[in-house]
Amino acid sequence: MGFISWIVLGLIVGALAKWIMPGPDGGGMVMTILLGIAGAFVGGYIGQMLGWGGVSGFDIGSLVLAVLGALLVLFIYNKLRT
């Protein structure tokens, strides 16, 4: 995936993760995109380690892994902020 694809996926994943786990997070849209991109990397890495595949494009499996990774990153981010 190219750089622009990671940003678009990060925006989508960040928005989905924020919708699933709302909270009083600061940072706005930029932080949502960054958390989404980080979550895509984390989800892809964990998926590869467990043998489920990785985040390789815009398909359902990649989206689910990326959202799960973004939820994990968002959870850790919230715990570190408080």
C-alpha atoms as a PDB file:
ATOM      1  CA  MET A   1       0.000   0.000   0.000  1.00  0.00           C
ATOM      2  CA  GLY A   2       1.167   3.490  -0.755  1.00  0.00           C
ATOM      3  CA  PHE A   3       1.526   6.398   1.622  1.00  0.00           C
ATOM      4  CA  ILE A   4      -1.781   7.979   0.621  1.00  0.00           C
ATOM      5  CA  SER A   5      -3.546   4.625   1.062  1.00  0.00           C
ATOM      6  CA  TRP A   6      -2.210   4.349   4.614  1.00  0.00           C
ATOM      7  CA  ILE A   7      -3.528   7.844   5.387  1.00  0.00           C
ATOM      8  CA  VAL A   8      -6.964   7.052   3.938  1.00  0.00           C
ATOM      9  CA  LEU A   9      -7.098   3.708   5.764  1.00  0.00           C
ATOM     10  CA  GLY A  10      -5.910   5.465   8.940  1.00  0.00           C
ATOM     11  CA  LEU A  11      -8.678   8.041   8.654  1.00  0.00           C
ATOM     12  CA  ILE A  12     -11.329   5.359   8.187  1.00  0.00           C
ATOM     13  CA  VAL A  13      -9.934   3.111  10.907  1.00  0.00           C
ATOM     14  CA  GLY A  14      -9.401   5.988  13.324  1.00  0.00           C
ATOM     15  CA  ALA A  15     -12.979   7.170  12.832  1.00  0.00           C
ATOM     16  CA  LEU A  16     -14.333   3.635  13.322  1.00  0.00           C
ATOM     17  CA  ALA A  17     -12.250   3.095  16.453  1.00  0.00           C
ATOM     18  CA  LYS A  18     -13.374   6.448  17.839  1.00  0.00           C
ATOM     19  CA  TRP A  19     -16.993   5.540  17.100  1.00  0.00           C
ATOM     20  CA  ILE A  20     -16.625   2.158  18.832  1.00  0.00           C
ATOM     21  CA  MET A  21     -14.682   3.555  21.824  1.00  0.00           C
ATOM     22  CA  PRO A  22     -15.770   7.176  22.354  1.00  0.00           C
ATOM     23  CA  GLY A  23     -14.147   9.278  25.007  1.00  0.00           C
ATOM     24  CA  PRO A  24     -12.844  12.719  25.855  1.00  0.00           C
ATOM     25  CA  ASP A  25      -9.730  12.484  23.687  1.00  0.00           C
ATOM     26  CA  GLY A  26      -7.977  15.579  22.481  1.00  0.00           C
ATOM     27  CA  GLY A  27      -6.113  16.065  19.235  1.00  0.00           C
ATOM     28  CA  GLY A  28      -8.981  16.174  16.783  1.00  0.00           C
ATOM     29  CA  MET A  29      -8.770  14.803  13.256  1.00  0.00           C
ATOM     30  CA  VAL A  30      -4.955  14.704  13.070  1.00  0.00           C
ATOM     31  CA  MET A  31      -4.708  12.563  16.201  1.00  0.00           C
ATOM     32  CA  THR A  32      -7.501  10.320  14.912  1.00  0.00           C
ATOM     33  CA  ILE A  33      -5.590   9.751  11.653  1.00  0.00           C
ATOM     34  CA  LEU A  34      -2.310   9.098  13.479  1.00  0.00           C
ATOM     35  CA  LEU A  35      -3.938   6.660  15.898  1.00  0.00           C
ATOM     36  CA  GLY A  36      -5.650   4.947  12.971  1.00  0.00           C
ATOM     37  CA  ILE A  37      -2.390   4.573  11.035  1.00  0.00           C
ATOM     38  CA  ALA A  38      -0.613   3.298  14.152  1.00  0.00           C
ATOM     39  CA  GLY A  39      -3.513   0.918  14.745  1.00  0.00           C
ATOM     40  CA  ALA A  40      -3.259  -0.400  11.195  1.00  0.00           C
ATOM     41  CA  PHE A  41       0.418  -1.155  11.755  1.00  0.00           C
ATOM     42  CA  VAL A  42      -0.237  -2.751  15.159  1.00  0.00           C
ATOM     43  CA  GLY A  43      -3.177  -4.784  13.865  1.00  0.00           C
ATOM     44  CA  GLY A  44      -1.194  -5.941  10.839  1.00  0.00           C
ATOM     45  CA  TYR A  45       1.764  -6.927  13.004  1.00  0.00           C
ATOM     46  CA  ILE A  46      -0.360  -8.839  15.509  1.00  0.00           C
ATOM     47  CA  GLY A  47      -2.306 -10.496  12.665  1.00  0.00           C
ATOM     48  CA  GLN A  48       0.930 -11.667  11.048  1.00  0.00           C
ATOM     49  CA  MET A  49       2.286 -12.941  14.368  1.00  0.00           C
ATOM     50  CA  LEU A  50      -0.899 -14.974  14.921  1.00  0.00           C
ATOM     51  CA  GLY A  51      -0.906 -16.279  11.343  1.00  0.00           C
ATOM     52  CA  TRP A  52      -4.064 -14.402  10.301  1.00  0.00           C
ATOM     53  CA  GLY A  53      -2.360 -12.373   7.595  1.00  0.00           C
ATOM     54  CA  GLY A  54      -1.646  -8.669   7.628  1.00  0.00           C
ATOM     55  CA  VAL A  55      -3.027  -5.372   6.494  1.00  0.00           C
ATOM     56  CA  SER A  56      -2.426  -5.636   2.763  1.00  0.00           C
ATOM     57  CA  GLY A  57      -5.112  -3.481   1.180  1.00  0.00           C
ATOM     58  CA  PHE A  58      -8.715  -2.382   1.383  1.00  0.00           C
ATOM     59  CA  ASP A  59     -10.492  -5.621   2.205  1.00  0.00           C
ATOM     60  CA  ILE A  60     -12.629  -6.726   5.139  1.00  0.00           C
ATOM     61  CA  GLY A  61      -9.892  -8.730   6.854  1.00  0.00           C
ATOM     62  CA  SER A  62      -7.429  -5.862   6.707  1.00  0.00           C
ATOM     63  CA  LEU A  63     -10.051  -3.417   7.915  1.00  0.00           C
ATOM     64  CA  VAL A  64     -10.958  -5.619  10.892  1.00  0.00           C
ATOM     65  CA  LEU A  65      -7.300  -6.111  11.859  1.00  0.00           C
ATOM     66  CA  ALA A  66      -6.621  -2.396  11.524  1.00  0.00           C
ATOM     67  CA  VAL A  67      -9.675  -1.454  13.619  1.00  0.00           C
ATOM     68  CA  LEU A  68      -8.705  -3.937  16.335  1.00  0.00           C
ATOM     69  CA  GLY A  69      -5.198  -2.515  16.330  1.00  0.00           C
ATOM     70  CA  ALA A  70      -6.549   1.045  16.477  1.00  0.00           C
ATOM     71  CA  LEU A  71      -8.785   0.121  19.414  1.00  0.00           C
ATOM     72  CA  LEU A  72      -5.747  -1.279  21.215  1.00  0.00           C
ATOM     73  CA  VAL A  73      -3.709   1.854  20.464  1.00  0.00           C
ATOM     74  CA  LEU A  74      -6.610   4.104  21.525  1.00  0.00           C
ATOM     75  CA  PHE A  75      -7.028   2.142  24.773  1.00  0.00           C
ATOM     76  CA  ILE A  76      -3.319   2.452  25.585  1.00  0.00           C
ATOM     77  CA  TYR A  77      -3.336   6.145  24.613  1.00  0.00           C
ATOM     78  CA  ASN A  78      -6.274   6.809  26.960  1.00  0.00           C
ATOM     79  CA  LYS A  79      -4.593   4.937  29.818  1.00  0.00           C
ATOM     80  CA  LEU A  80      -1.345   6.851  29.387  1.00  0.00           C
ATOM     81  CA  ARG A  81      -3.128  10.225  29.271  1.00  0.00           C
ATOM     82  CA  THR A  82      -4.935   9.726  32.585  1.00  0.00           C
END
